[in-house]
Amino acid sequence: MISPPIQKDIVHCFAEEVTRSVLQEINNDVFALLVDESADVSDKEQMAVVFRFVDKDGIVKERFVGISHVKETSSLSLKNAIDSLF
């Protein structure tokens, strides 16, 4: 549990399960993908991705999907990062 590669594997498994759960909650319905980019403390660009959707009860929900480091913030670069995230 203290090995960084094992910790990354565990986090990756949890991320896949959370994403699968969110997709089941959306249930092939309409959703919005919110993408925000910013620079962290070390001036590396990063992108956060959130799903926004309306559930079966009519309640608007937002679910954080992930964060990814990007080399640049052009639209093509962000699109490629989103594609690789999913």
C-alpha atoms as a PDB file:
ATOM      1  CA  MET A   1       0.000   0.000   0.000  1.00  0.00           C
ATOM      2  CA  ILE A   2       2.957   2.397   0.355  1.00  0.00           C
ATOM      3  CA  SER A   3       4.373   1.715  -3.100  1.00  0.00           C
ATOM      4  CA  PRO A   4       3.655   4.602  -5.516  1.00  0.00           C
ATOM      5  CA  PRO A   5       2.938   2.296  -8.504  1.00  0.00           C
ATOM      6  CA  ILE A   6       0.429   0.303  -6.430  1.00  0.00           C
ATOM      7  CA  GLN A   7      -1.190   3.511  -5.189  1.00  0.00           C
ATOM      8  CA  LYS A   8      -1.542   4.724  -8.786  1.00  0.00           C
ATOM      9  CA  ASP A   9      -3.097   1.397  -9.803  1.00  0.00           C
ATOM     10  CA  ILE A  10      -5.606   1.613  -6.954  1.00  0.00           C
ATOM     11  CA  VAL A  11      -6.519   5.213  -7.814  1.00  0.00           C
ATOM     12  CA  HIS A  12      -6.889   4.261 -11.502  1.00  0.00           C
ATOM     13  CA  CYS A  13      -9.254   1.399 -10.576  1.00  0.00           C
ATOM     14  CA  PHE A  14     -11.375   3.714  -8.416  1.00  0.00           C
ATOM     15  CA  ALA A  15     -11.482   6.289 -11.218  1.00  0.00           C
ATOM     16  CA  GLU A  16     -12.723   3.673 -13.692  1.00  0.00           C
ATOM     17  CA  GLU A  17     -15.450   2.544 -11.281  1.00  0.00           C
ATOM     18  CA  VAL A  18     -16.582   6.106 -10.569  1.00  0.00           C
ATOM     19  CA  THR A  19     -16.691   6.906 -14.298  1.00  0.00           C
ATOM     20  CA  ARG A  20     -18.669   3.727 -14.974  1.00  0.00           C
ATOM     21  CA  SER A  21     -21.091   4.652 -12.184  1.00  0.00           C
ATOM     22  CA  VAL A  22     -21.580   8.174 -13.566  1.00  0.00           C
ATOM     23  CA  LEU A  23     -22.235   6.814 -17.067  1.00  0.00           C
ATOM     24  CA  GLN A  24     -24.842   4.434 -15.655  1.00  0.00           C
ATOM     25  CA  GLU A  25     -26.437   7.331 -13.791  1.00  0.00           C
ATOM     26  CA  ILE A  26     -26.612   9.372 -17.030  1.00  0.00           C
ATOM     27  CA  ASN A  27     -28.189   6.333 -18.724  1.00  0.00           C
ATOM     28  CA  ASN A  28     -27.537   7.325 -22.379  1.00  0.00           C
ATOM     29  CA  ASP A  29     -29.327  10.642 -21.869  1.00  0.00           C
ATOM     30  CA  VAL A  30     -28.268  14.178 -22.741  1.00  0.00           C
ATOM     31  CA  PHE A  31     -25.333  15.604 -20.792  1.00  0.00           C
ATOM     32  CA  ALA A  32     -22.880  18.485 -20.916  1.00  0.00           C
ATOM     33  CA  LEU A  33     -19.146  18.161 -20.582  1.00  0.00           C
ATOM     34  CA  LEU A  34     -17.566  21.038 -18.654  1.00  0.00           C
ATOM     35  CA  VAL A  35     -13.849  21.520 -19.245  1.00  0.00           C
ATOM     36  CA  ASP A  36     -11.743  24.062 -17.390  1.00  0.00           C
ATOM     37  CA  GLU A  37      -8.041  24.595 -17.742  1.00  0.00           C
ATOM     38  CA  SER A  38      -5.685  26.361 -15.415  1.00  0.00           C
ATOM     39  CA  ALA A  39      -2.052  26.431 -14.372  1.00  0.00           C
ATOM     40  CA  ASP A  40      -0.960  24.826 -11.126  1.00  0.00           C
ATOM     41  CA  VAL A  41       1.683  26.188  -8.747  1.00  0.00           C
ATOM     42  CA  SER A  42       4.549  24.892 -10.902  1.00  0.00           C
ATOM     43  CA  ASP A  43       3.050  26.584 -14.022  1.00  0.00           C
ATOM     44  CA  LYS A  44       2.000  23.278 -15.595  1.00  0.00           C
ATOM     45  CA  GLU A  45      -1.281  23.449 -17.468  1.00  0.00           C
ATOM     46  CA  GLN A  46      -4.006  21.124 -16.235  1.00  0.00           C
ATOM     47  CA  MET A  47      -7.552  20.413 -17.340  1.00  0.00           C
ATOM     48  CA  ALA A  48     -10.506  19.441 -15.127  1.00  0.00           C
ATOM     49  CA  VAL A  49     -13.492  17.581 -16.621  1.00  0.00           C
ATOM     50  CA  VAL A  50     -17.016  17.473 -15.164  1.00  0.00           C
ATOM     51  CA  PHE A  51     -20.258  15.873 -16.418  1.00  0.00           C
ATOM     52  CA  ARG A  52     -23.442  17.928 -15.963  1.00  0.00           C
ATOM     53  CA  PHE A  53     -26.772  16.190 -16.499  1.00  0.00           C
ATOM     54  CA  VAL A  54     -30.368  15.991 -15.312  1.00  0.00           C
ATOM     55  CA  ASP A  55     -31.286  12.790 -13.486  1.00  0.00           C
ATOM     56  CA  LYS A  56     -34.581  10.910 -13.786  1.00  0.00           C
ATOM     57  CA  ASP A  57     -36.080  13.033 -10.969  1.00  0.00           C
ATOM     58  CA  GLY A  58     -35.299  16.289 -12.802  1.00  0.00           C
ATOM     59  CA  ILE A  59     -32.423  17.301 -10.551  1.00  0.00           C
ATOM     60  CA  VAL A  60     -29.353  18.864 -12.160  1.00  0.00           C
ATOM     61  CA  LYS A  61     -26.234  16.986 -11.103  1.00  0.00           C
ATOM     62  CA  GLU A  62     -22.535  17.535 -11.680  1.00  0.00           C
ATOM     63  CA  ARG A  63     -19.976  14.770 -11.375  1.00  0.00           C
ATOM     64  CA  PHE A  64     -16.229  15.344 -11.422  1.00  0.00           C
ATOM     65  CA  VAL A  65     -14.617  12.924 -13.877  1.00  0.00           C
ATOM     66  CA  GLY A  66     -10.938  13.698 -13.763  1.00  0.00           C
ATOM     67  CA  ILE A  67      -8.006  16.006 -14.075  1.00  0.00           C
ATOM     68  CA  SER A  68      -5.323  15.773 -16.708  1.00  0.00           C
ATOM     69  CA  HIS A  69      -2.083  17.616 -17.394  1.00  0.00           C
ATOM     70  CA  VAL A  70      -1.887  19.189 -20.860  1.00  0.00           C
ATOM     71  CA  LYS A  71       1.091  20.688 -22.651  1.00  0.00           C
ATOM     72  CA  GLU A  72      -0.888  23.520 -24.221  1.00  0.00           C
ATOM     73  CA  THR A  73      -4.417  24.859 -24.069  1.00  0.00           C
ATOM     74  CA  SER A  74      -5.342  24.960 -27.740  1.00  0.00           C
ATOM     75  CA  SER A  75      -8.701  23.432 -28.614  1.00  0.00           C
ATOM     76  CA  LEU A  76      -7.060  20.501 -30.445  1.00  0.00           C
ATOM     77  CA  SER A  77      -4.808  19.748 -27.482  1.00  0.00           C
ATOM     78  CA  LEU A  78      -7.756  19.826 -25.055  1.00  0.00           C
ATOM     79  CA  LYS A  79      -9.824  17.627 -27.381  1.00  0.00           C
ATOM     80  CA  ASN A  80      -7.028  15.065 -27.530  1.00  0.00           C
ATOM     81  CA  ALA A  81      -6.715  15.129 -23.729  1.00  0.00           C
ATOM     82  CA  ILE A  82     -10.484  14.564 -23.371  1.00  0.00           C
ATOM     83  CA  ASP A  83     -10.317  11.680 -25.848  1.00  0.00           C
ATOM     84  CA  SER A  84      -7.472  10.073 -23.926  1.00  0.00           C
ATOM     85  CA  LEU A  85      -9.338  10.559 -20.621  1.00  0.00           C
ATOM     86  CA  PHE A  86     -12.245   8.465 -21.892  1.00  0.00           C
END
